[in-house]
Amino acid sequence: MTAEEIEMVVAAVLKKMEVVTEPHPDAPLPAQEAYSIKTCAHVSGLSSDHIRRAIIGGTLKASDVGTKDHPLYRVHRDNLRAWLSEREAGPKPPPRKSGPTISRHHRPKRASKMSV
C-alpha cells in the first residue's frame, strides 16, 4: 500500500469512529452551567490532563465538588470561555512566587550557646 492509500484508510476509519482529529474553534458549549474536565477537554480540543494541570496550577478557575481523597472538578462556562480566549494569544509564563523562598534545608545557623 502506498502512503496515500494508508491515509485514506485511516481517514475512513476515523470518520466511522467519529473521532475529532482537530479541535473545532467554534465548537458550541453544551447548555450547562458547569462542565467536567472531560467535557472541557472535548470542547477545547486539549487533553484532559492539560485541563487538569491548568486547574491545579490555578490558571483555570474551577470548583471542587468531590471529597478530599477524590477531587471532582467542575468548570463554570464563563471561566472556560475566558481561559480559552486568554490562550489565543499564546502561552503565558508561569506565575512568579511572591516573596523570597528559603529552603528548609538551608536555614541560617543558630548562634552557639558557648559564644558569650
N, C-alpha and C. Protein backbone atom coordinates (compact mmCIF):
# COMPACT_ATOMS: atom_id res chain seq x y z
N MET A 1 0.84 -1.18 0.00
CA MET A 1 0.00 0.00 0.00
C MET A 1 0.89 1.25 0.00
N THR A 2 0.42 2.22 -0.70
CA THR A 2 1.16 3.48 -0.73
C THR A 2 0.74 4.33 0.47
N ALA A 3 1.48 5.40 0.70
CA ALA A 3 1.18 6.28 1.83
C ALA A 3 -0.18 6.95 1.67
N GLU A 4 -0.54 7.27 0.42
CA GLU A 4 -1.84 7.90 0.17
C GLU A 4 -2.99 6.95 0.49
N GLU A 5 -2.83 5.67 0.13
CA GLU A 5 -3.87 4.70 0.42
C GLU A 5 -4.03 4.49 1.93
N ILE A 6 -2.90 4.46 2.63
CA ILE A 6 -2.95 4.29 4.08
C ILE A 6 -3.67 5.47 4.73
N GLU A 7 -3.36 6.68 4.26
CA GLU A 7 -4.03 7.86 4.80
C GLU A 7 -5.52 7.83 4.54
N MET A 8 -5.93 7.34 3.36
CA MET A 8 -7.35 7.26 3.05
C MET A 8 -8.05 6.25 3.95
N VAL A 9 -7.39 5.11 4.23
CA VAL A 9 -7.98 4.09 5.10
C VAL A 9 -8.11 4.62 6.53
N VAL A 10 -7.07 5.29 7.01
CA VAL A 10 -7.10 5.85 8.36
C VAL A 10 -8.20 6.91 8.46
N ALA A 11 -8.33 7.76 7.45
CA ALA A 11 -9.37 8.79 7.46
C ALA A 11 -10.76 8.16 7.47
N ALA A 12 -10.94 7.08 6.71
CA ALA A 12 -12.24 6.41 6.68
C ALA A 12 -12.57 5.78 8.03
N VAL A 13 -11.57 5.17 8.68
CA VAL A 13 -11.80 4.56 9.98
C VAL A 13 -12.13 5.63 11.02
N LEU A 14 -11.39 6.73 11.00
CA LEU A 14 -11.66 7.81 11.95
C LEU A 14 -13.04 8.42 11.73
N LYS A 15 -13.47 8.49 10.48
CA LYS A 15 -14.79 9.04 10.19
C LYS A 15 -15.87 8.11 10.73
N LYS A 16 -15.66 6.80 10.61
CA LYS A 16 -16.63 5.85 11.15
C LYS A 16 -16.68 5.91 12.66
N MET A 17 -15.53 6.12 13.29
CA MET A 17 -15.46 6.18 14.75
C MET A 17 -15.91 7.54 15.26
N GLU A 18 -16.07 8.51 14.38
CA GLU A 18 -16.44 9.88 14.73
C GLU A 18 -15.45 10.50 15.71
N VAL A 19 -14.17 10.31 15.43
CA VAL A 19 -13.12 10.90 16.25
C VAL A 19 -12.77 12.26 15.69
N VAL A 20 -12.70 13.26 16.54
CA VAL A 20 -12.33 14.59 16.11
C VAL A 20 -10.81 14.65 16.05
N THR A 21 -10.26 14.88 14.84
CA THR A 21 -8.81 14.91 14.71
C THR A 21 -8.25 16.29 15.00
N GLU A 22 -9.02 17.34 14.77
CA GLU A 22 -8.58 18.70 15.06
C GLU A 22 -9.68 19.41 15.86
N PRO A 23 -9.29 20.24 16.81
CA PRO A 23 -10.32 20.95 17.56
C PRO A 23 -11.04 21.96 16.69
N HIS A 24 -12.32 22.03 16.86
CA HIS A 24 -13.11 23.00 16.10
C HIS A 24 -13.17 24.28 16.89
N PRO A 25 -12.71 25.41 16.33
CA PRO A 25 -12.67 26.65 17.12
C PRO A 25 -14.04 27.17 17.53
N ASP A 26 -15.07 26.84 16.77
CA ASP A 26 -16.41 27.33 17.09
C ASP A 26 -17.30 26.23 17.67
N ALA A 27 -16.67 25.28 18.37
CA ALA A 27 -17.45 24.19 18.94
C ALA A 27 -18.42 24.75 19.98
N PRO A 28 -19.70 24.46 19.83
CA PRO A 28 -20.67 25.01 20.79
C PRO A 28 -20.54 24.33 22.14
N LEU A 29 -20.74 25.10 23.18
CA LEU A 29 -20.71 24.54 24.52
C LEU A 29 -22.08 23.98 24.84
N PRO A 30 -22.13 22.85 25.53
CA PRO A 30 -23.42 22.32 25.95
C PRO A 30 -24.13 23.32 26.85
N ALA A 31 -25.44 23.20 26.96
CA ALA A 31 -26.24 24.16 27.73
C ALA A 31 -26.20 23.84 29.22
N GLN A 32 -25.01 23.77 29.79
CA GLN A 32 -24.85 23.53 31.22
C GLN A 32 -24.18 24.74 31.83
N GLU A 33 -24.25 24.86 33.13
CA GLU A 33 -23.54 25.93 33.82
C GLU A 33 -22.11 25.53 34.12
N ALA A 34 -21.89 24.28 34.51
CA ALA A 34 -20.56 23.81 34.87
C ALA A 34 -20.24 22.53 34.09
N TYR A 35 -18.98 22.39 33.72
CA TYR A 35 -18.56 21.26 32.89
C TYR A 35 -17.52 20.42 33.60
N SER A 36 -17.48 19.16 33.28
CA SER A 36 -16.46 18.27 33.80
C SER A 36 -15.16 18.49 33.03
N ILE A 37 -14.09 17.90 33.52
CA ILE A 37 -12.80 18.02 32.84
C ILE A 37 -12.88 17.39 31.45
N LYS A 38 -13.57 16.28 31.35
CA LYS A 38 -13.69 15.58 30.07
C LYS A 38 -14.43 16.44 29.04
N THR A 39 -15.50 17.10 29.47
CA THR A 39 -16.25 17.97 28.56
C THR A 39 -15.41 19.18 28.15
N CYS A 40 -14.68 19.76 29.10
CA CYS A 40 -13.79 20.89 28.77
C CYS A 40 -12.74 20.47 27.76
N ALA A 41 -12.20 19.28 27.93
CA ALA A 41 -11.19 18.78 27.00
C ALA A 41 -11.77 18.59 25.61
N HIS A 42 -12.99 18.07 25.54
CA HIS A 42 -13.63 17.85 24.24
C HIS A 42 -13.90 19.17 23.53
N VAL A 43 -14.40 20.15 24.26
CA VAL A 43 -14.74 21.44 23.67
C VAL A 43 -13.49 22.19 23.22
N SER A 44 -12.44 22.16 24.05
CA SER A 44 -11.24 22.93 23.74
C SER A 44 -10.29 22.22 22.78
N GLY A 45 -10.43 20.92 22.63
CA GLY A 45 -9.52 20.17 21.77
C GLY A 45 -8.21 19.83 22.46
N LEU A 46 -8.13 20.05 23.76
CA LEU A 46 -6.93 19.74 24.53
C LEU A 46 -7.16 18.43 25.28
N SER A 47 -6.10 17.91 25.86
CA SER A 47 -6.23 16.66 26.61
C SER A 47 -6.82 16.96 27.99
N SER A 48 -7.42 15.94 28.58
CA SER A 48 -7.97 16.11 29.92
C SER A 48 -6.86 16.34 30.94
N ASP A 49 -5.67 15.79 30.70
CA ASP A 49 -4.53 16.04 31.58
C ASP A 49 -4.13 17.51 31.54
N HIS A 50 -4.18 18.12 30.35
CA HIS A 50 -3.83 19.53 30.22
C HIS A 50 -4.83 20.40 30.99
N ILE A 51 -6.10 20.07 30.89
CA ILE A 51 -7.13 20.82 31.60
C ILE A 51 -6.93 20.66 33.11
N ARG A 52 -6.66 19.44 33.56
CA ARG A 52 -6.45 19.18 34.99
C ARG A 52 -5.24 19.95 35.51
N ARG A 53 -4.14 20.00 34.74
CA ARG A 53 -2.96 20.76 35.16
C ARG A 53 -3.27 22.25 35.25
N ALA A 54 -4.09 22.75 34.33
CA ALA A 54 -4.46 24.17 34.37
C ALA A 54 -5.30 24.47 35.60
N ILE A 55 -6.16 23.55 35.99
CA ILE A 55 -6.98 23.75 37.18
C ILE A 55 -6.12 23.71 38.43
N ILE A 56 -5.27 22.71 38.53
CA ILE A 56 -4.42 22.57 39.71
C ILE A 56 -3.41 23.71 39.78
N GLY A 57 -2.92 24.17 38.63
CA GLY A 57 -1.98 25.27 38.59
C GLY A 57 -2.60 26.62 38.87
N GLY A 58 -3.92 26.70 38.81
CA GLY A 58 -4.60 27.95 39.13
C GLY A 58 -4.87 28.86 37.95
N THR A 59 -4.54 28.43 36.73
CA THR A 59 -4.82 29.29 35.58
C THR A 59 -6.26 29.15 35.10
N LEU A 60 -6.88 28.03 35.37
CA LEU A 60 -8.28 27.81 35.02
C LEU A 60 -9.07 27.65 36.32
N LYS A 61 -10.01 28.56 36.55
CA LYS A 61 -10.79 28.53 37.79
C LYS A 61 -11.81 27.40 37.73
N ALA A 62 -11.88 26.64 38.82
CA ALA A 62 -12.81 25.52 38.90
C ALA A 62 -13.25 25.32 40.33
N SER A 63 -14.34 24.60 40.50
CA SER A 63 -14.85 24.25 41.82
C SER A 63 -14.60 22.77 42.06
N ASP A 64 -14.23 22.44 43.28
CA ASP A 64 -14.02 21.05 43.65
C ASP A 64 -15.26 20.58 44.40
N VAL A 65 -16.06 19.74 43.76
CA VAL A 65 -17.30 19.26 44.38
C VAL A 65 -17.13 17.84 44.91
N GLY A 66 -15.91 17.33 44.87
CA GLY A 66 -15.65 15.98 45.35
C GLY A 66 -15.23 15.96 46.80
N THR A 67 -14.54 14.89 47.17
CA THR A 67 -14.04 14.76 48.53
C THR A 67 -12.56 15.10 48.57
N LYS A 68 -11.98 15.05 49.76
CA LYS A 68 -10.56 15.35 49.91
C LYS A 68 -9.71 14.29 49.20
N ASP A 69 -10.14 13.05 49.28
CA ASP A 69 -9.38 11.96 48.67
C ASP A 69 -9.65 11.82 47.18
N HIS A 70 -10.80 12.28 46.73
CA HIS A 70 -11.16 12.15 45.31
C HIS A 70 -11.75 13.47 44.82
N PRO A 71 -10.91 14.39 44.32
CA PRO A 71 -11.44 15.67 43.85
C PRO A 71 -12.27 15.48 42.58
N LEU A 72 -13.30 16.26 42.47
CA LEU A 72 -14.19 16.22 41.31
C LEU A 72 -14.39 17.67 40.87
N TYR A 73 -13.68 18.06 39.83
CA TYR A 73 -13.67 19.46 39.43
C TYR A 73 -14.79 19.77 38.45
N ARG A 74 -15.37 20.96 38.61
CA ARG A 74 -16.37 21.49 37.69
C ARG A 74 -15.95 22.90 37.31
N VAL A 75 -15.95 23.17 36.01
CA VAL A 75 -15.52 24.47 35.48
C VAL A 75 -16.75 25.22 35.00
N HIS A 76 -16.92 26.44 35.46
CA HIS A 76 -18.06 27.26 35.04
C HIS A 76 -17.87 27.67 33.58
N ARG A 77 -18.97 27.79 32.87
CA ARG A 77 -18.95 28.11 31.44
C ARG A 77 -18.18 29.40 31.16
N ASP A 78 -18.41 30.45 31.95
CA ASP A 78 -17.73 31.73 31.72
C ASP A 78 -16.23 31.63 31.98
N ASN A 79 -15.83 30.85 32.99
CA ASN A 79 -14.41 30.66 33.27
C ASN A 79 -13.71 29.93 32.13
N LEU A 80 -14.39 28.94 31.56
CA LEU A 80 -13.79 28.21 30.43
C LEU A 80 -13.64 29.12 29.22
N ARG A 81 -14.65 29.92 28.93
CA ARG A 81 -14.56 30.84 27.78
C ARG A 81 -13.44 31.86 27.98
N ALA A 82 -13.34 32.41 29.20
CA ALA A 82 -12.29 33.39 29.47
C ALA A 82 -10.91 32.77 29.35
N TRP A 83 -10.74 31.54 29.85
CA TRP A 83 -9.44 30.86 29.77
C TRP A 83 -9.07 30.55 28.32
N LEU A 84 -10.04 30.13 27.53
CA LEU A 84 -9.76 29.83 26.12
C LEU A 84 -9.42 31.10 25.36
N SER A 85 -10.07 32.21 25.67
CA SER A 85 -9.75 33.46 24.98
C SER A 85 -8.36 33.97 25.38
N GLU A 86 -7.94 33.75 26.63
CA GLU A 86 -6.59 34.13 27.05
C GLU A 86 -5.54 33.30 26.32
N ARG A 87 -5.85 32.04 26.05
CA ARG A 87 -4.89 31.14 25.40
C ARG A 87 -4.70 31.45 23.92
N GLU A 88 -5.61 32.21 23.32
CA GLU A 88 -5.48 32.52 21.90
C GLU A 88 -4.22 33.33 21.62
N ALA A 89 -3.79 34.13 22.57
CA ALA A 89 -2.59 34.95 22.39
C ALA A 89 -1.32 34.14 22.52
N GLY A 90 -1.40 32.92 23.00
CA GLY A 90 -0.23 32.07 23.16
C GLY A 90 0.01 31.79 24.63
N PRO A 91 0.98 30.93 24.91
CA PRO A 91 1.23 30.56 26.30
C PRO A 91 1.80 31.72 27.09
N LYS A 92 1.44 31.76 28.36
CA LYS A 92 1.95 32.78 29.26
C LYS A 92 3.05 32.17 30.12
N PRO A 93 3.97 32.98 30.62
CA PRO A 93 4.98 32.43 31.51
C PRO A 93 4.34 32.02 32.83
N PRO A 94 4.95 31.09 33.54
CA PRO A 94 4.37 30.67 34.81
C PRO A 94 4.37 31.82 35.81
N PRO A 95 3.41 31.84 36.72
CA PRO A 95 3.36 32.94 37.69
C PRO A 95 4.56 32.89 38.63
N ARG A 96 5.05 34.08 39.00
CA ARG A 96 6.19 34.15 39.91
C ARG A 96 5.72 33.94 41.33
N LYS A 97 6.60 33.34 42.09
CA LYS A 97 6.29 33.15 43.50
C LYS A 97 6.50 34.47 44.22
N SER A 98 5.63 34.77 45.15
CA SER A 98 5.74 36.04 45.85
C SER A 98 6.70 35.90 47.03
N GLY A 99 7.57 36.86 47.17
CA GLY A 99 8.49 36.90 48.29
C GLY A 99 9.64 35.92 48.14
N PRO A 100 10.68 36.12 48.93
CA PRO A 100 11.82 35.21 48.86
C PRO A 100 11.48 33.87 49.49
N THR A 101 11.94 32.82 48.88
CA THR A 101 11.70 31.50 49.42
C THR A 101 13.00 30.97 50.00
N ILE A 102 12.93 30.47 51.19
CA ILE A 102 14.09 29.91 51.86
C ILE A 102 13.85 28.42 51.99
N SER A 103 14.78 27.66 51.50
CA SER A 103 14.66 26.22 51.58
C SER A 103 14.76 25.77 53.03
N ARG A 104 14.05 24.74 53.38
CA ARG A 104 14.14 24.23 54.74
C ARG A 104 15.46 23.52 54.98
N HIS A 105 16.20 23.26 53.91
CA HIS A 105 17.50 22.60 54.05
C HIS A 105 18.64 23.58 54.26
N HIS A 106 18.43 24.83 53.98
CA HIS A 106 19.49 25.83 54.08
C HIS A 106 19.07 26.94 55.04
N ARG A 107 18.84 26.58 56.26
CA ARG A 107 18.45 27.56 57.27
C ARG A 107 19.71 28.24 57.82
N PRO A 108 19.56 29.48 58.24
CA PRO A 108 20.72 30.14 58.84
C PRO A 108 21.13 29.43 60.12
N LYS A 109 22.43 29.40 60.36
CA LYS A 109 22.93 28.73 61.56
C LYS A 109 22.58 29.55 62.80
N ARG A 110 22.28 28.85 63.85
CA ARG A 110 21.96 29.49 65.12
C ARG A 110 23.25 29.90 65.81
N ALA A 111 23.13 30.91 66.61
CA ALA A 111 24.28 31.30 67.42
C ALA A 111 24.51 30.24 68.48
N SER A 112 25.74 29.86 68.66
CA SER A 112 26.02 28.81 69.65
C SER A 112 25.88 29.37 71.06
N LYS A 113 25.58 28.50 71.99
CA LYS A 113 25.39 28.89 73.37
C LYS A 113 26.71 29.23 74.05
N MET A 114 27.79 28.73 73.52
CA MET A 114 29.09 28.92 74.14
C MET A 114 29.68 30.30 73.84
N SER A 115 29.26 30.95 72.78
CA SER A 115 29.83 32.25 72.47
C SER A 115 29.19 33.32 73.34
N VAL A 116 30.00 33.90 74.21
CA VAL A 116 29.49 34.91 75.13
C VAL A 116 30.25 36.19 74.95
